Amino acid sequence: MEIVHVEAAQQWPPNRLSGDAGRPRVADDFEAIRARVEELRRERERAYLAVLPSCDTKRWVASRKAAVVIAVREGVISRGKACDWYQLSSEERASWEVAFKRSGTTWLRARYRFPEIRGQSAPGG
């Protein structure tokens, strides 16, 4: 059984181990981690904004639609902001999200969304 001196134990800083004397406190670690996560989030947003289509886009190919859908999914832009920036109806944006979820960029192509107009059968059915 080890004898512990109460006075010596009270003087020792809480939550510190002998090997951690030079390390910052846990709260400091969390602040550093939180700052780094925020920095990475800002970098990710800048990267997404760099690949988003121009606000004056008139011709919507599948890859541009996918870029908008992914940016909304990742929280880079809100659904409302996407509709405002690109003059989309909420129904059109929602249809892009459903099509992308169904099978990626394939169903974002017009020929697959409206096969009866083009005289084709839809893939997979």
N, C-alpha and C. Protein backbone atom coordinates (compact mmCIF):
# COMPACT_ATOMS: atom_id res chain seq x y z
N MET A 1 0.84 -1.18 0.00
CA MET A 1 0.00 0.00 0.00
C MET A 1 0.88 1.24 0.00
N GLU A 2 0.56 2.17 -0.89
CA GLU A 2 1.37 3.37 -1.03
C GLU A 2 0.82 4.47 -0.13
N ILE A 3 1.71 5.17 0.48
CA ILE A 3 1.31 6.28 1.35
C ILE A 3 1.33 7.55 0.52
N VAL A 4 0.23 8.26 0.55
CA VAL A 4 0.10 9.50 -0.22
C VAL A 4 0.05 10.67 0.74
N HIS A 5 0.88 11.63 0.50
CA HIS A 5 0.85 12.84 1.31
C HIS A 5 -0.20 13.76 0.72
N VAL A 6 -1.18 14.11 1.52
CA VAL A 6 -2.30 14.93 1.07
C VAL A 6 -1.82 16.29 0.62
N GLU A 7 -0.93 16.91 1.36
CA GLU A 7 -0.46 18.26 1.02
C GLU A 7 0.29 18.24 -0.32
N ALA A 8 1.12 17.23 -0.54
CA ALA A 8 1.87 17.14 -1.78
C ALA A 8 0.92 16.89 -2.96
N ALA A 9 -0.09 16.07 -2.75
CA ALA A 9 -1.06 15.78 -3.81
C ALA A 9 -1.86 17.02 -4.18
N GLN A 10 -2.19 17.86 -3.21
CA GLN A 10 -2.97 19.06 -3.48
C GLN A 10 -2.15 20.10 -4.24
N GLN A 11 -0.84 20.09 -4.09
CA GLN A 11 -0.01 21.06 -4.78
C GLN A 11 0.24 20.67 -6.23
N TRP A 12 0.11 19.41 -6.54
CA TRP A 12 0.34 18.94 -7.90
C TRP A 12 -0.80 19.39 -8.81
N PRO A 13 -0.53 19.94 -9.97
CA PRO A 13 -1.61 20.41 -10.85
C PRO A 13 -2.51 19.24 -11.27
N PRO A 14 -3.80 19.45 -11.33
CA PRO A 14 -4.72 18.38 -11.73
C PRO A 14 -4.54 18.03 -13.21
N ASN A 15 -4.90 16.80 -13.55
CA ASN A 15 -4.87 16.28 -14.93
C ASN A 15 -3.48 16.35 -15.56
N ARG A 16 -2.44 16.27 -14.78
CA ARG A 16 -1.09 16.28 -15.31
C ARG A 16 -0.37 15.02 -14.88
N LEU A 17 0.28 14.40 -15.80
CA LEU A 17 1.11 13.25 -15.49
C LEU A 17 2.56 13.71 -15.53
N SER A 18 3.43 12.97 -14.90
CA SER A 18 4.83 13.39 -14.82
C SER A 18 5.45 13.53 -16.20
N GLY A 19 5.09 12.70 -17.15
CA GLY A 19 5.65 12.79 -18.50
C GLY A 19 5.05 13.91 -19.33
N ASP A 20 3.95 14.48 -18.88
CA ASP A 20 3.25 15.51 -19.64
C ASP A 20 3.55 16.92 -19.15
N ALA A 21 4.59 17.10 -18.38
CA ALA A 21 4.86 18.40 -17.78
C ALA A 21 5.05 19.48 -18.84
N GLY A 22 5.63 19.16 -19.98
CA GLY A 22 5.85 20.16 -21.01
C GLY A 22 4.71 20.30 -22.00
N ARG A 23 3.74 19.43 -21.92
CA ARG A 23 2.61 19.45 -22.86
C ARG A 23 1.57 20.47 -22.45
N PRO A 24 0.85 21.02 -23.41
CA PRO A 24 -0.24 21.93 -23.05
C PRO A 24 -1.39 21.17 -22.41
N ARG A 25 -2.25 21.90 -21.76
CA ARG A 25 -3.40 21.28 -21.13
C ARG A 25 -4.33 20.69 -22.18
N VAL A 26 -5.22 19.81 -21.77
CA VAL A 26 -6.16 19.16 -22.69
C VAL A 26 -7.02 20.21 -23.38
N ALA A 27 -7.46 21.21 -22.65
CA ALA A 27 -8.28 22.27 -23.25
C ALA A 27 -7.51 22.98 -24.36
N ASP A 28 -6.23 23.18 -24.16
CA ASP A 28 -5.41 23.80 -25.19
C ASP A 28 -5.32 22.90 -26.43
N ASP A 29 -5.20 21.59 -26.21
CA ASP A 29 -5.18 20.65 -27.32
C ASP A 29 -6.47 20.73 -28.12
N PHE A 30 -7.61 20.78 -27.43
CA PHE A 30 -8.89 20.86 -28.12
C PHE A 30 -9.02 22.16 -28.90
N GLU A 31 -8.53 23.24 -28.36
CA GLU A 31 -8.58 24.52 -29.07
C GLU A 31 -7.73 24.46 -30.33
N ALA A 32 -6.56 23.85 -30.24
CA ALA A 32 -5.69 23.71 -31.41
C ALA A 32 -6.35 22.82 -32.46
N ILE A 33 -6.97 21.74 -32.02
CA ILE A 33 -7.66 20.83 -32.94
C ILE A 33 -8.84 21.54 -33.59
N ARG A 34 -9.60 22.25 -32.80
CA ARG A 34 -10.76 22.98 -33.31
C ARG A 34 -10.33 24.03 -34.34
N ALA A 35 -9.23 24.73 -34.06
CA ALA A 35 -8.72 25.73 -35.00
C ALA A 35 -8.29 25.07 -36.31
N ARG A 36 -7.63 23.92 -36.23
CA ARG A 36 -7.19 23.22 -37.42
C ARG A 36 -8.37 22.70 -38.24
N VAL A 37 -9.38 22.19 -37.56
CA VAL A 37 -10.58 21.71 -38.25
C VAL A 37 -11.26 22.87 -38.97
N GLU A 38 -11.34 24.01 -38.33
CA GLU A 38 -11.95 25.20 -38.95
C GLU A 38 -11.13 25.63 -40.17
N GLU A 39 -9.83 25.59 -40.07
CA GLU A 39 -8.95 25.95 -41.19
C GLU A 39 -9.17 24.99 -42.36
N LEU A 40 -9.26 23.70 -42.07
CA LEU A 40 -9.50 22.71 -43.12
C LEU A 40 -10.87 22.90 -43.76
N ARG A 41 -11.86 23.25 -42.95
CA ARG A 41 -13.21 23.50 -43.48
C ARG A 41 -13.19 24.68 -44.46
N ARG A 42 -12.48 25.75 -44.08
CA ARG A 42 -12.39 26.91 -44.98
C ARG A 42 -11.66 26.56 -46.27
N GLU A 43 -10.61 25.76 -46.18
CA GLU A 43 -9.90 25.32 -47.39
C GLU A 43 -10.80 24.49 -48.29
N ARG A 44 -11.58 23.61 -47.68
CA ARG A 44 -12.50 22.77 -48.45
C ARG A 44 -13.54 23.63 -49.15
N GLU A 45 -14.08 24.63 -48.44
CA GLU A 45 -15.07 25.51 -49.05
C GLU A 45 -14.47 26.27 -50.23
N ARG A 46 -13.25 26.78 -50.07
CA ARG A 46 -12.60 27.49 -51.17
C ARG A 46 -12.40 26.56 -52.37
N ALA A 47 -12.05 25.31 -52.11
CA ALA A 47 -11.85 24.35 -53.19
C ALA A 47 -13.17 24.07 -53.91
N TYR A 48 -14.26 23.91 -53.15
CA TYR A 48 -15.56 23.66 -53.78
C TYR A 48 -16.01 24.87 -54.58
N LEU A 49 -15.83 26.07 -54.01
CA LEU A 49 -16.27 27.26 -54.72
C LEU A 49 -15.48 27.45 -56.01
N ALA A 50 -14.25 26.97 -56.02
CA ALA A 50 -13.43 27.09 -57.22
C ALA A 50 -13.95 26.19 -58.34
N VAL A 51 -14.56 25.07 -58.01
CA VAL A 51 -15.04 24.14 -59.04
C VAL A 51 -16.54 24.29 -59.32
N LEU A 52 -17.22 25.12 -58.58
CA LEU A 52 -18.64 25.33 -58.85
C LEU A 52 -18.80 26.07 -60.17
N PRO A 53 -19.87 25.76 -60.89
CA PRO A 53 -20.10 26.46 -62.16
C PRO A 53 -20.36 27.94 -61.93
N SER A 54 -20.18 28.72 -62.97
CA SER A 54 -20.43 30.15 -62.91
C SER A 54 -21.91 30.41 -62.64
N CYS A 55 -22.20 31.53 -62.00
CA CYS A 55 -23.60 31.86 -61.67
C CYS A 55 -24.44 32.14 -62.91
N ASP A 56 -23.80 32.47 -64.02
CA ASP A 56 -24.56 32.75 -65.25
C ASP A 56 -24.64 31.54 -66.19
N THR A 57 -24.46 30.35 -65.64
CA THR A 57 -24.51 29.12 -66.43
C THR A 57 -25.89 28.94 -67.03
N LYS A 58 -25.93 28.68 -68.35
CA LYS A 58 -27.20 28.45 -69.04
C LYS A 58 -27.31 27.00 -69.51
N ARG A 59 -26.17 26.40 -69.84
CA ARG A 59 -26.16 25.02 -70.33
C ARG A 59 -25.71 24.11 -69.19
N TRP A 60 -26.63 23.29 -68.69
CA TRP A 60 -26.36 22.45 -67.52
C TRP A 60 -26.02 21.04 -67.94
N VAL A 61 -24.74 20.75 -68.06
CA VAL A 61 -24.30 19.37 -68.32
C VAL A 61 -24.27 18.63 -66.99
N ALA A 62 -24.17 17.32 -67.06
CA ALA A 62 -24.25 16.48 -65.86
C ALA A 62 -23.18 16.83 -64.83
N SER A 63 -21.97 17.12 -65.27
CA SER A 63 -20.89 17.41 -64.32
C SER A 63 -21.15 18.70 -63.55
N ARG A 64 -21.74 19.70 -64.19
CA ARG A 64 -22.05 20.96 -63.48
C ARG A 64 -23.18 20.73 -62.47
N LYS A 65 -24.17 19.97 -62.87
CA LYS A 65 -25.25 19.65 -61.94
C LYS A 65 -24.69 18.90 -60.72
N ALA A 66 -23.81 17.95 -60.98
CA ALA A 66 -23.22 17.16 -59.90
C ALA A 66 -22.41 18.04 -58.96
N ALA A 67 -21.68 19.01 -59.50
CA ALA A 67 -20.89 19.92 -58.66
C ALA A 67 -21.79 20.69 -57.70
N VAL A 68 -22.94 21.14 -58.19
CA VAL A 68 -23.88 21.87 -57.33
C VAL A 68 -24.47 20.95 -56.28
N VAL A 69 -24.87 19.75 -56.69
CA VAL A 69 -25.46 18.79 -55.74
C VAL A 69 -24.47 18.44 -54.64
N ILE A 70 -23.22 18.19 -55.00
CA ILE A 70 -22.21 17.81 -54.02
C ILE A 70 -21.93 18.98 -53.08
N ALA A 71 -21.86 20.19 -53.61
CA ALA A 71 -21.61 21.36 -52.76
C ALA A 71 -22.74 21.55 -51.75
N VAL A 72 -23.97 21.32 -52.17
CA VAL A 72 -25.11 21.42 -51.25
C VAL A 72 -25.04 20.32 -50.20
N ARG A 73 -24.74 19.10 -50.65
CA ARG A 73 -24.63 17.97 -49.71
C ARG A 73 -23.56 18.21 -48.65
N GLU A 74 -22.42 18.77 -49.06
CA GLU A 74 -21.30 18.99 -48.15
C GLU A 74 -21.49 20.23 -47.29
N GLY A 75 -22.53 21.00 -47.55
CA GLY A 75 -22.79 22.17 -46.75
C GLY A 75 -21.99 23.40 -47.15
N VAL A 76 -21.39 23.37 -48.32
CA VAL A 76 -20.62 24.52 -48.79
C VAL A 76 -21.56 25.67 -49.12
N ILE A 77 -22.66 25.36 -49.79
CA ILE A 77 -23.71 26.35 -50.02
C ILE A 77 -25.04 25.74 -49.60
N SER A 78 -25.97 26.57 -49.23
CA SER A 78 -27.28 26.07 -48.81
C SER A 78 -28.14 25.80 -50.04
N ARG A 79 -29.22 25.06 -49.84
CA ARG A 79 -30.14 24.78 -50.95
C ARG A 79 -30.72 26.07 -51.51
N GLY A 80 -31.11 26.96 -50.61
CA GLY A 80 -31.69 28.23 -51.04
C GLY A 80 -30.70 29.08 -51.82
N LYS A 81 -29.45 29.11 -51.35
CA LYS A 81 -28.42 29.89 -52.04
C LYS A 81 -28.15 29.31 -53.42
N ALA A 82 -28.16 27.98 -53.53
CA ALA A 82 -27.95 27.35 -54.84
C ALA A 82 -29.07 27.75 -55.79
N CYS A 83 -30.29 27.74 -55.31
CA CYS A 83 -31.42 28.13 -56.16
C CYS A 83 -31.32 29.60 -56.57
N ASP A 84 -30.92 30.45 -55.63
CA ASP A 84 -30.78 31.88 -55.94
C ASP A 84 -29.65 32.13 -56.93
N TRP A 85 -28.48 31.54 -56.68
CA TRP A 85 -27.32 31.77 -57.53
C TRP A 85 -27.57 31.32 -58.96
N TYR A 86 -28.20 30.17 -59.11
CA TYR A 86 -28.34 29.57 -60.43
C TYR A 86 -29.75 29.68 -61.02
N GLN A 87 -30.61 30.47 -60.42
CA GLN A 87 -32.00 30.65 -60.88
C GLN A 87 -32.69 29.31 -61.12
N LEU A 88 -32.59 28.44 -60.11
CA LEU A 88 -33.22 27.13 -60.18
C LEU A 88 -34.48 27.13 -59.33
N SER A 89 -35.45 26.35 -59.74
CA SER A 89 -36.60 26.14 -58.86
C SER A 89 -36.20 25.07 -57.83
N SER A 90 -36.87 25.08 -56.70
CA SER A 90 -36.54 24.08 -55.68
C SER A 90 -36.85 22.67 -56.19
N GLU A 91 -37.86 22.55 -57.07
CA GLU A 91 -38.20 21.24 -57.64
C GLU A 91 -37.10 20.73 -58.56
N GLU A 92 -36.53 21.64 -59.37
CA GLU A 92 -35.46 21.23 -60.27
C GLU A 92 -34.23 20.80 -59.48
N ARG A 93 -33.86 21.58 -58.47
CA ARG A 93 -32.71 21.23 -57.63
C ARG A 93 -32.96 19.91 -56.93
N ALA A 94 -34.17 19.71 -56.41
CA ALA A 94 -34.51 18.45 -55.73
C ALA A 94 -34.44 17.27 -56.70
N SER A 95 -34.87 17.49 -57.95
CA SER A 95 -34.80 16.40 -58.94
C SER A 95 -33.35 16.03 -59.24
N TRP A 96 -32.45 17.03 -59.23
CA TRP A 96 -31.02 16.75 -59.42
C TRP A 96 -30.50 15.90 -58.28
N GLU A 97 -30.90 16.25 -57.06
CA GLU A 97 -30.43 15.50 -55.89
C GLU A 97 -30.90 14.04 -55.94
N VAL A 98 -32.16 13.84 -56.32
CA VAL A 98 -32.71 12.48 -56.41
C VAL A 98 -31.99 11.70 -57.51
N ALA A 99 -31.80 12.34 -58.67
CA ALA A 99 -31.13 11.67 -59.79
C ALA A 99 -29.69 11.32 -59.42
N PHE A 100 -28.99 12.24 -58.74
CA PHE A 100 -27.60 11.98 -58.36
C PHE A 100 -27.53 10.85 -57.34
N LYS A 101 -28.47 10.85 -56.41
CA LYS A 101 -28.50 9.78 -55.41
C LYS A 101 -28.79 8.44 -56.06
N ARG A 102 -29.61 8.46 -57.09
CA ARG A 102 -30.01 7.21 -57.75
C ARG A 102 -28.82 6.54 -58.44
N SER A 103 -28.07 7.29 -59.25
CA SER A 103 -26.93 6.66 -59.91
C SER A 103 -25.90 7.67 -60.40
N GLY A 104 -25.60 8.63 -59.58
CA GLY A 104 -24.53 9.57 -59.92
C GLY A 104 -24.86 10.44 -61.11
N THR A 105 -23.84 10.77 -61.88
CA THR A 105 -24.04 11.70 -62.99
C THR A 105 -24.83 11.08 -64.15
N THR A 106 -24.93 9.78 -64.21
CA THR A 106 -25.66 9.13 -65.31
C THR A 106 -27.09 9.64 -65.40
N TRP A 107 -27.79 9.68 -64.27
CA TRP A 107 -29.19 10.12 -64.28
C TRP A 107 -29.33 11.63 -64.31
N LEU A 108 -28.23 12.36 -64.23
CA LEU A 108 -28.30 13.81 -64.40
C LEU A 108 -28.29 14.20 -65.87
N ARG A 109 -28.00 13.26 -66.73
CA ARG A 109 -27.99 13.53 -68.17
C ARG A 109 -29.42 13.57 -68.68
N ALA A 110 -29.71 14.52 -69.55
CA ALA A 110 -31.08 14.70 -70.06
C ALA A 110 -31.58 13.47 -70.79
N ARG A 111 -30.73 12.78 -71.52
CA ARG A 111 -31.20 11.63 -72.31
C ARG A 111 -31.69 10.50 -71.42
N TYR A 112 -31.22 10.43 -70.18
CA TYR A 112 -31.68 9.38 -69.29
C TYR A 112 -32.90 9.82 -68.48
N ARG A 113 -33.05 11.12 -68.30
CA ARG A 113 -34.18 11.60 -67.53
C ARG A 113 -35.46 11.58 -68.34
N PHE A 114 -35.35 11.76 -69.65
CA PHE A 114 -36.53 11.80 -70.50
C PHE A 114 -36.36 10.85 -71.69
N PRO A 115 -36.25 9.55 -71.43
CA PRO A 115 -35.96 8.61 -72.52
C PRO A 115 -37.08 8.52 -73.55
N GLU A 116 -38.32 8.74 -73.14
CA GLU A 116 -39.42 8.61 -74.08
C GLU A 116 -39.37 9.70 -75.16
N ILE A 117 -38.80 10.86 -74.85
CA ILE A 117 -38.69 11.94 -75.82
C ILE A 117 -37.67 11.57 -76.88
N ARG A 118 -36.59 10.92 -76.49
CA ARG A 118 -35.51 10.60 -77.41
C ARG A 118 -35.66 9.21 -78.04
N GLY A 119 -36.73 8.51 -77.69
CA GLY A 119 -36.95 7.19 -78.27
C GLY A 119 -36.02 6.13 -77.73
N GLN A 120 -35.52 6.34 -76.50
CA GLN A 120 -34.60 5.36 -75.88
C GLN A 120 -35.27 4.76 -74.67
N SER A 121 -34.78 3.62 -74.27
CA SER A 121 -35.26 3.07 -73.01
C SER A 121 -34.28 3.49 -71.91
N ALA A 122 -34.81 3.67 -70.72
CA ALA A 122 -33.97 4.08 -69.59
C ALA A 122 -33.06 2.94 -69.20
N PRO A 123 -31.82 3.26 -68.77
CA PRO A 123 -30.90 2.19 -68.37
C PRO A 123 -31.42 1.46 -67.13
N GLY A 124 -31.29 0.17 -67.16
CA GLY A 124 -31.69 -0.62 -66.00
C GLY A 124 -33.18 -0.87 -65.91
N GLY A 125 -33.94 -0.56 -66.93
CA GLY A 125 -35.36 -0.83 -66.81
C GLY A 125 -36.12 -0.52 -67.97
